[in-house]
Amino acid sequence: MMATARRQGLMWFREALEDGRRDDADVALFRLLYGLSAEVQIGLARDMTARFLPIFRANHPDVDWPVKVLDDLDAHFREHEQGLPEEPPDCSGGDPAFMYALYALLRALSYAKQGELPRVTPACCTALAQATHARARNVWHADDPEAVQAFDDDDWERLHGRSMHDNVAAQAVRKREWLLVADWLEARVAAEALDAPVMDEPACEQWLAWWQERAGNL
């Protein structure tokens, strides 16, 4: 595979999102992020994860630790490393995905501090996937609670055609969140980095395959 400028990769990422090709978008994003600084990758994942904070705070006004984690990842890591407090007992909607995004962020930071930059990319891609999933799932819960109940009850007949992936509003939000990822990269990443080829592409493809085999689990 020939080296491809990241700016071209960013265009492919946008095109895959517009066409609804989620798997292709995942691949394009991974290749786009691989080799960028840990600071950029973690900053992107942190900012996108933080977009769920207002929803979480509205659902759990007495739980403020996610705010503190996202406000200063380094400070939290110095004191707790990858540890997080227990989830609120009444987690629902997009809350579990948001919690996993926080975990993935701290994993990414841990890898960065160990100098394992290749591992930062799958961790950040997982955080991004969970953050966008949280927003979409929250919309689905509000838009079609009967379908959510059918999902919780494993009632696949009642759920047919009404899953989160079938829900127009939820998928519109998911697409919007992913396009904001592209906007963030375009606005925050230096032109030299966007115009540079992805270095060490065989290693990039190996880590991409590793991430795909685990379906985003770290």
C-alpha atoms as a PDB file:
ATOM      1  CA  MET A   1       0.000   0.000   0.000  1.00  0.00           C
ATOM      2  CA  MET A   2       1.440   3.376  -0.985  1.00  0.00           C
ATOM      3  CA  ALA A   3       1.987   6.045   1.637  1.00  0.00           C
ATOM      4  CA  THR A   4      -1.010   8.356   1.737  1.00  0.00           C
ATOM      5  CA  ALA A   5      -1.064  11.916   3.037  1.00  0.00           C
ATOM      6  CA  ARG A   6      -3.242  12.292   6.096  1.00  0.00           C
ATOM      7  CA  ARG A   7      -5.184  15.031   4.393  1.00  0.00           C
ATOM      8  CA  GLN A   8      -6.288  12.462   1.806  1.00  0.00           C
ATOM      9  CA  GLY A   9      -7.165  10.129   4.653  1.00  0.00           C
ATOM     10  CA  LEU A  10      -9.274  12.830   6.233  1.00  0.00           C
ATOM     11  CA  MET A  11     -11.176  13.200   2.974  1.00  0.00           C
ATOM     12  CA  TRP A  12     -11.763   9.427   2.845  1.00  0.00           C
ATOM     13  CA  PHE A  13     -12.960   9.513   6.441  1.00  0.00           C
ATOM     14  CA  ARG A  14     -15.520  12.208   5.610  1.00  0.00           C
ATOM     15  CA  GLU A  15     -16.661  10.392   2.472  1.00  0.00           C
ATOM     16  CA  ALA A  16     -17.178   7.122   4.364  1.00  0.00           C
ATOM     17  CA  LEU A  17     -19.225   8.960   6.991  1.00  0.00           C
ATOM     18  CA  GLU A  18     -21.384  10.694   4.390  1.00  0.00           C
ATOM     19  CA  ASP A  19     -22.000   7.375   2.619  1.00  0.00           C
ATOM     20  CA  GLY A  20     -22.844   5.551   5.840  1.00  0.00           C
ATOM     21  CA  ARG A  21     -19.895   3.155   5.505  1.00  0.00           C
ATOM     22  CA  ARG A  22     -19.096   2.812   9.205  1.00  0.00           C
ATOM     23  CA  ASP A  23     -16.444   0.094   8.862  1.00  0.00           C
ATOM     24  CA  ASP A  24     -14.570   2.063   6.202  1.00  0.00           C
ATOM     25  CA  ALA A  25     -14.771   5.161   8.391  1.00  0.00           C
ATOM     26  CA  ASP A  26     -13.229   3.241  11.303  1.00  0.00           C
ATOM     27  CA  VAL A  27     -10.337   2.116   9.127  1.00  0.00           C
ATOM     28  CA  ALA A  28      -9.776   5.597   7.696  1.00  0.00           C
ATOM     29  CA  LEU A  29      -9.767   7.153  11.160  1.00  0.00           C
ATOM     30  CA  PHE A  30      -7.310   4.611  12.566  1.00  0.00           C
ATOM     31  CA  ARG A  31      -4.882   5.202   9.713  1.00  0.00           C
ATOM     32  CA  LEU A  32      -5.366   8.938  10.059  1.00  0.00           C
ATOM     33  CA  LEU A  33      -4.516   8.984  13.766  1.00  0.00           C
ATOM     34  CA  TYR A  34      -1.706   6.435  13.742  1.00  0.00           C
ATOM     35  CA  GLY A  35       1.624   8.178  14.200  1.00  0.00           C
ATOM     36  CA  LEU A  36       0.204  11.514  15.316  1.00  0.00           C
ATOM     37  CA  SER A  37       1.427  12.658  18.710  1.00  0.00           C
ATOM     38  CA  ALA A  38      -0.179  11.135  21.784  1.00  0.00           C
ATOM     39  CA  GLU A  39      -1.116  14.657  22.853  1.00  0.00           C
ATOM     40  CA  VAL A  40      -3.176  15.183  19.695  1.00  0.00           C
ATOM     41  CA  GLN A  41      -4.846  11.769  19.783  1.00  0.00           C
ATOM     42  CA  ILE A  42      -5.729  11.933  23.474  1.00  0.00           C
ATOM     43  CA  GLY A  43      -6.826  15.554  23.157  1.00  0.00           C
ATOM     44  CA  LEU A  44      -9.247  14.631  20.397  1.00  0.00           C
ATOM     45  CA  ALA A  45     -10.650  11.655  22.303  1.00  0.00           C
ATOM     46  CA  ARG A  46     -10.924  13.690  25.483  1.00  0.00           C
ATOM     47  CA  ASP A  47     -12.798  16.571  23.801  1.00  0.00           C
ATOM     48  CA  MET A  48     -15.259  14.252  22.078  1.00  0.00           C
ATOM     49  CA  THR A  49     -15.876  12.244  25.252  1.00  0.00           C
ATOM     50  CA  ALA A  50     -16.534  15.470  27.147  1.00  0.00           C
ATOM     51  CA  ARG A  51     -19.436  16.233  24.832  1.00  0.00           C
ATOM     52  CA  PHE A  52     -21.490  13.698  26.786  1.00  0.00           C
ATOM     53  CA  LEU A  53     -20.805  15.394  30.115  1.00  0.00           C
ATOM     54  CA  PRO A  54     -23.868  17.719  30.103  1.00  0.00           C
ATOM     55  CA  ILE A  55     -26.140  14.707  29.557  1.00  0.00           C
ATOM     56  CA  PHE A  56     -24.408  12.688  32.264  1.00  0.00           C
ATOM     57  CA  ARG A  57     -24.569  15.589  34.726  1.00  0.00           C
ATOM     58  CA  ALA A  58     -28.270  16.072  34.031  1.00  0.00           C
ATOM     59  CA  ASN A  59     -28.870  12.377  34.729  1.00  0.00           C
ATOM     60  CA  HIS A  60     -26.557  12.235  37.758  1.00  0.00           C
ATOM     61  CA  PRO A  61     -26.296  15.728  39.313  1.00  0.00           C
ATOM     62  CA  ASP A  62     -24.578  14.377  42.445  1.00  0.00           C
ATOM     63  CA  VAL A  63     -21.821  12.542  40.564  1.00  0.00           C
ATOM     64  CA  ASP A  64     -19.025  14.926  39.643  1.00  0.00           C
ATOM     65  CA  TRP A  65     -15.973  12.701  39.341  1.00  0.00           C
ATOM     66  CA  PRO A  66     -16.184  12.362  35.512  1.00  0.00           C
ATOM     67  CA  VAL A  67     -15.912  16.151  35.321  1.00  0.00           C
ATOM     68  CA  LYS A  68     -12.711  16.060  37.369  1.00  0.00           C
ATOM     69  CA  VAL A  69     -11.270  13.229  35.274  1.00  0.00           C
ATOM     70  CA  LEU A  70     -11.893  15.047  31.994  1.00  0.00           C
ATOM     71  CA  ASP A  71     -10.770  18.408  33.349  1.00  0.00           C
ATOM     72  CA  ASP A  72      -7.310  17.023  34.139  1.00  0.00           C
ATOM     73  CA  LEU A  73      -6.519  13.518  32.930  1.00  0.00           C
ATOM     74  CA  ASP A  74      -2.907  13.820  34.061  1.00  0.00           C
ATOM     75  CA  ALA A  75      -3.849  14.796  37.615  1.00  0.00           C
ATOM     76  CA  HIS A  76      -6.266  11.870  37.866  1.00  0.00           C
ATOM     77  CA  PHE A  77      -3.645   9.479  36.476  1.00  0.00           C
ATOM     78  CA  ARG A  78      -0.996  10.676  38.921  1.00  0.00           C
ATOM     79  CA  GLU A  79      -3.290   9.875  41.839  1.00  0.00           C
ATOM     80  CA  HIS A  80      -5.276   6.891  40.602  1.00  0.00           C
ATOM     81  CA  GLU A  81      -3.530   5.673  37.428  1.00  0.00           C
ATOM     82  CA  GLN A  82      -6.264   3.890  35.411  1.00  0.00           C
ATOM     83  CA  GLY A  83      -8.631   3.467  38.345  1.00  0.00           C
ATOM     84  CA  LEU A  84     -12.114   4.973  38.245  1.00  0.00           C
ATOM     85  CA  PRO A  85     -14.791   5.207  40.934  1.00  0.00           C
ATOM     86  CA  GLU A  86     -17.776   2.889  40.701  1.00  0.00           C
ATOM     87  CA  GLU A  87     -20.441   3.721  38.143  1.00  0.00           C
ATOM     88  CA  PRO A  88     -23.666   5.243  39.464  1.00  0.00           C
ATOM     89  CA  PRO A  89     -26.156   2.448  40.226  1.00  0.00           C
ATOM     90  CA  ASP A  90     -28.767   3.910  37.889  1.00  0.00           C
ATOM     91  CA  CYS A  91     -26.652   4.076  34.713  1.00  0.00           C
ATOM     92  CA  SER A  92     -28.780   3.935  31.578  1.00  0.00           C
ATOM     93  CA  GLY A  93     -28.903   5.237  28.028  1.00  0.00           C
ATOM     94  CA  GLY A  94     -25.462   6.298  26.902  1.00  0.00           C
ATOM     95  CA  ASP A  95     -23.943   6.234  30.402  1.00  0.00           C
ATOM     96  CA  PRO A  96     -22.198   2.819  30.126  1.00  0.00           C
ATOM     97  CA  ALA A  97     -20.568   3.764  26.805  1.00  0.00           C
ATOM     98  CA  PHE A  98     -19.439   7.066  28.318  1.00  0.00           C
ATOM     99  CA  MET A  99     -17.875   5.190  31.232  1.00  0.00           C
ATOM    100  CA  TYR A 100     -15.999   2.903  28.849  1.00  0.00           C
ATOM    101  CA  ALA A 101     -14.779   5.930  26.908  1.00  0.00           C
ATOM    102  CA  LEU A 102     -13.263   7.301  30.135  1.00  0.00           C
ATOM    103  CA  TYR A 103     -11.558   3.962  30.758  1.00  0.00           C
ATOM    104  CA  ALA A 104     -10.170   3.913  27.205  1.00  0.00           C
ATOM    105  CA  LEU A 105      -8.864   7.458  27.625  1.00  0.00           C
ATOM    106  CA  LEU A 106      -6.926   6.480  30.722  1.00  0.00           C
ATOM    107  CA  ARG A 107      -5.565   3.405  28.933  1.00  0.00           C
ATOM    108  CA  ALA A 108      -4.367   5.674  26.117  1.00  0.00           C
ATOM    109  CA  LEU A 109      -2.692   7.987  28.616  1.00  0.00           C
ATOM    110  CA  SER A 110      -1.032   5.027  30.331  1.00  0.00           C
ATOM    111  CA  TYR A 111       0.366   3.799  27.018  1.00  0.00           C
ATOM    112  CA  ALA A 112       1.611   7.297  26.207  1.00  0.00           C
ATOM    113  CA  LYS A 113       3.440   7.558  29.535  1.00  0.00           C
ATOM    114  CA  GLN A 114       5.056   4.161  28.888  1.00  0.00           C
ATOM    115  CA  GLY A 115       6.249   5.358  25.486  1.00  0.00           C
ATOM    116  CA  GLU A 116       4.019   2.857  23.661  1.00  0.00           C
ATOM    117  CA  LEU A 117       2.699   5.250  21.017  1.00  0.00           C
ATOM    118  CA  PRO A 118       1.326   2.513  18.682  1.00  0.00           C
ATOM    119  CA  ARG A 119      -1.044   1.396  21.460  1.00  0.00           C
ATOM    120  CA  VAL A 120      -2.354   4.924  21.950  1.00  0.00           C
ATOM    121  CA  THR A 121      -4.215   4.818  18.629  1.00  0.00           C
ATOM    122  CA  PRO A 122      -6.451   1.791  19.292  1.00  0.00           C
ATOM    123  CA  ALA A 123      -7.229   3.105  22.778  1.00  0.00           C
ATOM    124  CA  CYS A 124      -8.180   6.528  21.419  1.00  0.00           C
ATOM    125  CA  CYS A 125     -10.225   5.026  18.593  1.00  0.00           C
ATOM    126  CA  THR A 126     -12.121   2.987  21.175  1.00  0.00           C
ATOM    127  CA  ALA A 127     -12.733   6.090  23.292  1.00  0.00           C
ATOM    128  CA  LEU A 128     -14.045   7.928  20.231  1.00  0.00           C
ATOM    129  CA  ALA A 129     -16.284   5.024  19.209  1.00  0.00           C
ATOM    130  CA  GLN A 130     -17.742   4.788  22.717  1.00  0.00           C
ATOM    131  CA  ALA A 131     -18.234   8.548  23.001  1.00  0.00           C
ATOM    132  CA  THR A 132     -20.192   8.721  19.741  1.00  0.00           C
ATOM    133  CA  HIS A 133     -22.109   5.574  20.704  1.00  0.00           C
ATOM    134  CA  ALA A 134     -23.090   7.207  23.999  1.00  0.00           C
ATOM    135  CA  ARG A 135     -24.644  10.179  22.248  1.00  0.00           C
ATOM    136  CA  ALA A 136     -26.502   8.004  19.734  1.00  0.00           C
ATOM    137  CA  ARG A 137     -27.764   5.572  22.348  1.00  0.00           C
ATOM    138  CA  ASN A 138     -29.019   8.425  24.504  1.00  0.00           C
ATOM    139  CA  VAL A 139     -31.124   9.676  21.592  1.00  0.00           C
ATOM    140  CA  TRP A 140     -32.463   6.179  20.903  1.00  0.00           C
ATOM    141  CA  HIS A 141     -33.505   5.774  24.541  1.00  0.00           C
ATOM    142  CA  ALA A 142     -35.422   9.042  24.423  1.00  0.00           C
ATOM    143  CA  ASP A 143     -36.899   8.497  20.957  1.00  0.00           C
ATOM    144  CA  ASP A 144     -38.083   4.878  21.251  1.00  0.00           C
ATOM    145  CA  PRO A 145     -38.230   3.620  24.850  1.00  0.00           C
ATOM    146  CA  GLU A 146     -40.388   0.652  23.789  1.00  0.00           C
ATOM    147  CA  ALA A 147     -37.608  -0.555  21.504  1.00  0.00           C
ATOM    148  CA  VAL A 148     -35.075  -0.105  24.295  1.00  0.00           C
ATOM    149  CA  GLN A 149     -37.239  -2.244  26.569  1.00  0.00           C
ATOM    150  CA  ALA A 150     -37.519  -4.883  23.851  1.00  0.00           C
ATOM    151  CA  PHE A 151     -33.713  -4.890  23.593  1.00  0.00           C
ATOM    152  CA  ASP A 152     -33.372  -5.254  27.370  1.00  0.00           C
ATOM    153  CA  ASP A 153     -35.886  -8.122  27.291  1.00  0.00           C
ATOM    154  CA  ASP A 154     -34.121  -9.877  24.372  1.00  0.00           C
ATOM    155  CA  ASP A 155     -37.406  -9.603  22.481  1.00  0.00           C
ATOM    156  CA  TRP A 156     -35.915  -9.633  18.988  1.00  0.00           C
ATOM    157  CA  GLU A 157     -39.273  -9.895  17.254  1.00  0.00           C
ATOM    158  CA  ARG A 158     -40.549  -6.704  18.875  1.00  0.00           C
ATOM    159  CA  LEU A 159     -37.182  -5.014  18.277  1.00  0.00           C
ATOM    160  CA  HIS A 160     -37.088  -5.846  14.545  1.00  0.00           C
ATOM    161  CA  GLY A 161     -36.591  -2.659  12.529  1.00  0.00           C
ATOM    162  CA  ARG A 162     -36.389  -0.530  15.674  1.00  0.00           C
ATOM    163  CA  SER A 163     -32.829  -1.060  16.898  1.00  0.00           C
ATOM    164  CA  MET A 164     -30.498   1.849  17.543  1.00  0.00           C
ATOM    165  CA  HIS A 165     -28.985   1.236  14.118  1.00  0.00           C
ATOM    166  CA  ASP A 166     -32.452   1.552  12.560  1.00  0.00           C
ATOM    167  CA  ASN A 167     -33.317   4.727  14.458  1.00  0.00           C
ATOM    168  CA  VAL A 168     -33.007   7.731  12.144  1.00  0.00           C
ATOM    169  CA  ALA A 169     -32.507  10.269  14.924  1.00  0.00           C
ATOM    170  CA  ALA A 170     -29.833   8.205  16.680  1.00  0.00           C
ATOM    171  CA  GLN A 171     -27.909   7.622  13.465  1.00  0.00           C
ATOM    172  CA  ALA A 172     -28.084  11.301  12.564  1.00  0.00           C
ATOM    173  CA  VAL A 173     -26.491  12.141  15.907  1.00  0.00           C
ATOM    174  CA  ARG A 174     -23.842   9.451  15.450  1.00  0.00           C
ATOM    175  CA  LYS A 175     -22.940  10.861  12.026  1.00  0.00           C
ATOM    176  CA  ARG A 176     -22.823  14.408  13.410  1.00  0.00           C
ATOM    177  CA  GLU A 177     -20.456  13.366  16.195  1.00  0.00           C
ATOM    178  CA  TRP A 178     -18.100  11.600  13.788  1.00  0.00           C
ATOM    179  CA  LEU A 179     -18.090  14.601  11.460  1.00  0.00           C
ATOM    180  CA  LEU A 180     -17.106  16.725  14.449  1.00  0.00           C
ATOM    181  CA  VAL A 181     -14.084  14.432  14.818  1.00  0.00           C
ATOM    182  CA  ALA A 182     -13.086  15.312  11.261  1.00  0.00           C
ATOM    183  CA  ASP A 183     -13.668  19.011  11.961  1.00  0.00           C
ATOM    184  CA  TRP A 184     -11.502  18.822  15.104  1.00  0.00           C
ATOM    185  CA  LEU A 185      -8.632  17.241  13.214  1.00  0.00           C
ATOM    186  CA  GLU A 186      -8.841  19.737  10.397  1.00  0.00           C
ATOM    187  CA  ALA A 187      -8.844  22.660  12.816  1.00  0.00           C
ATOM    188  CA  ARG A 188      -6.281  21.448  15.379  1.00  0.00           C
ATOM    189  CA  VAL A 189      -3.688  19.391  13.527  1.00  0.00           C
ATOM    190  CA  ALA A 190      -0.857  21.318  11.919  1.00  0.00           C
ATOM    191  CA  ALA A 191      -0.825  21.401   8.138  1.00  0.00           C
ATOM    192  CA  GLU A 192       2.586  19.699   8.054  1.00  0.00           C
ATOM    193  CA  ALA A 193       1.176  16.706   9.935  1.00  0.00           C
ATOM    194  CA  LEU A 194      -1.897  16.481   7.724  1.00  0.00           C
ATOM    195  CA  ASP A 195       0.252  16.572   4.605  1.00  0.00           C
ATOM    196  CA  ALA A 196       2.724  13.972   5.870  1.00  0.00           C
ATOM    197  CA  PRO A 197       2.433  10.300   4.896  1.00  0.00           C
ATOM    198  CA  VAL A 198       1.611   7.713   7.520  1.00  0.00           C
ATOM    199  CA  MET A 199       4.950   6.343   8.636  1.00  0.00           C
ATOM    200  CA  ASP A 200       5.681   2.642   9.235  1.00  0.00           C
ATOM    201  CA  GLU A 201       2.529   1.528   7.451  1.00  0.00           C
ATOM    202  CA  PRO A 202       3.028  -2.238   8.002  1.00  0.00           C
ATOM    203  CA  ALA A 203       2.971  -1.616  11.765  1.00  0.00           C
ATOM    204  CA  CYS A 204      -0.113   0.567  11.356  1.00  0.00           C
ATOM    205  CA  GLU A 205      -1.927  -2.239   9.545  1.00  0.00           C
ATOM    206  CA  GLN A 206      -0.877  -4.748  12.205  1.00  0.00           C
ATOM    207  CA  TRP A 207      -2.283  -2.584  14.999  1.00  0.00           C
ATOM    208  CA  LEU A 208      -5.428  -1.900  12.985  1.00  0.00           C
ATOM    209  CA  ALA A 209      -5.982  -5.653  12.604  1.00  0.00           C
ATOM    210  CA  TRP A 210      -5.305  -6.126  16.336  1.00  0.00           C
ATOM    211  CA  TRP A 211      -7.954  -3.521  17.177  1.00  0.00           C
ATOM    212  CA  GLN A 212     -10.495  -4.930  14.719  1.00  0.00           C
ATOM    213  CA  GLU A 213     -10.059  -8.487  16.000  1.00  0.00           C
ATOM    214  CA  ARG A 214     -10.982  -7.294  19.471  1.00  0.00           C
ATOM    215  CA  ALA A 215     -13.956  -5.268  18.212  1.00  0.00           C
ATOM    216  CA  GLY A 216     -12.693  -2.245  20.100  1.00  0.00           C
ATOM    217  CA  ASN A 217     -12.218  -4.057  23.419  1.00  0.00           C
ATOM    218  CA  LEU A 218      -8.981  -3.139  25.192  1.00  0.00           C
END
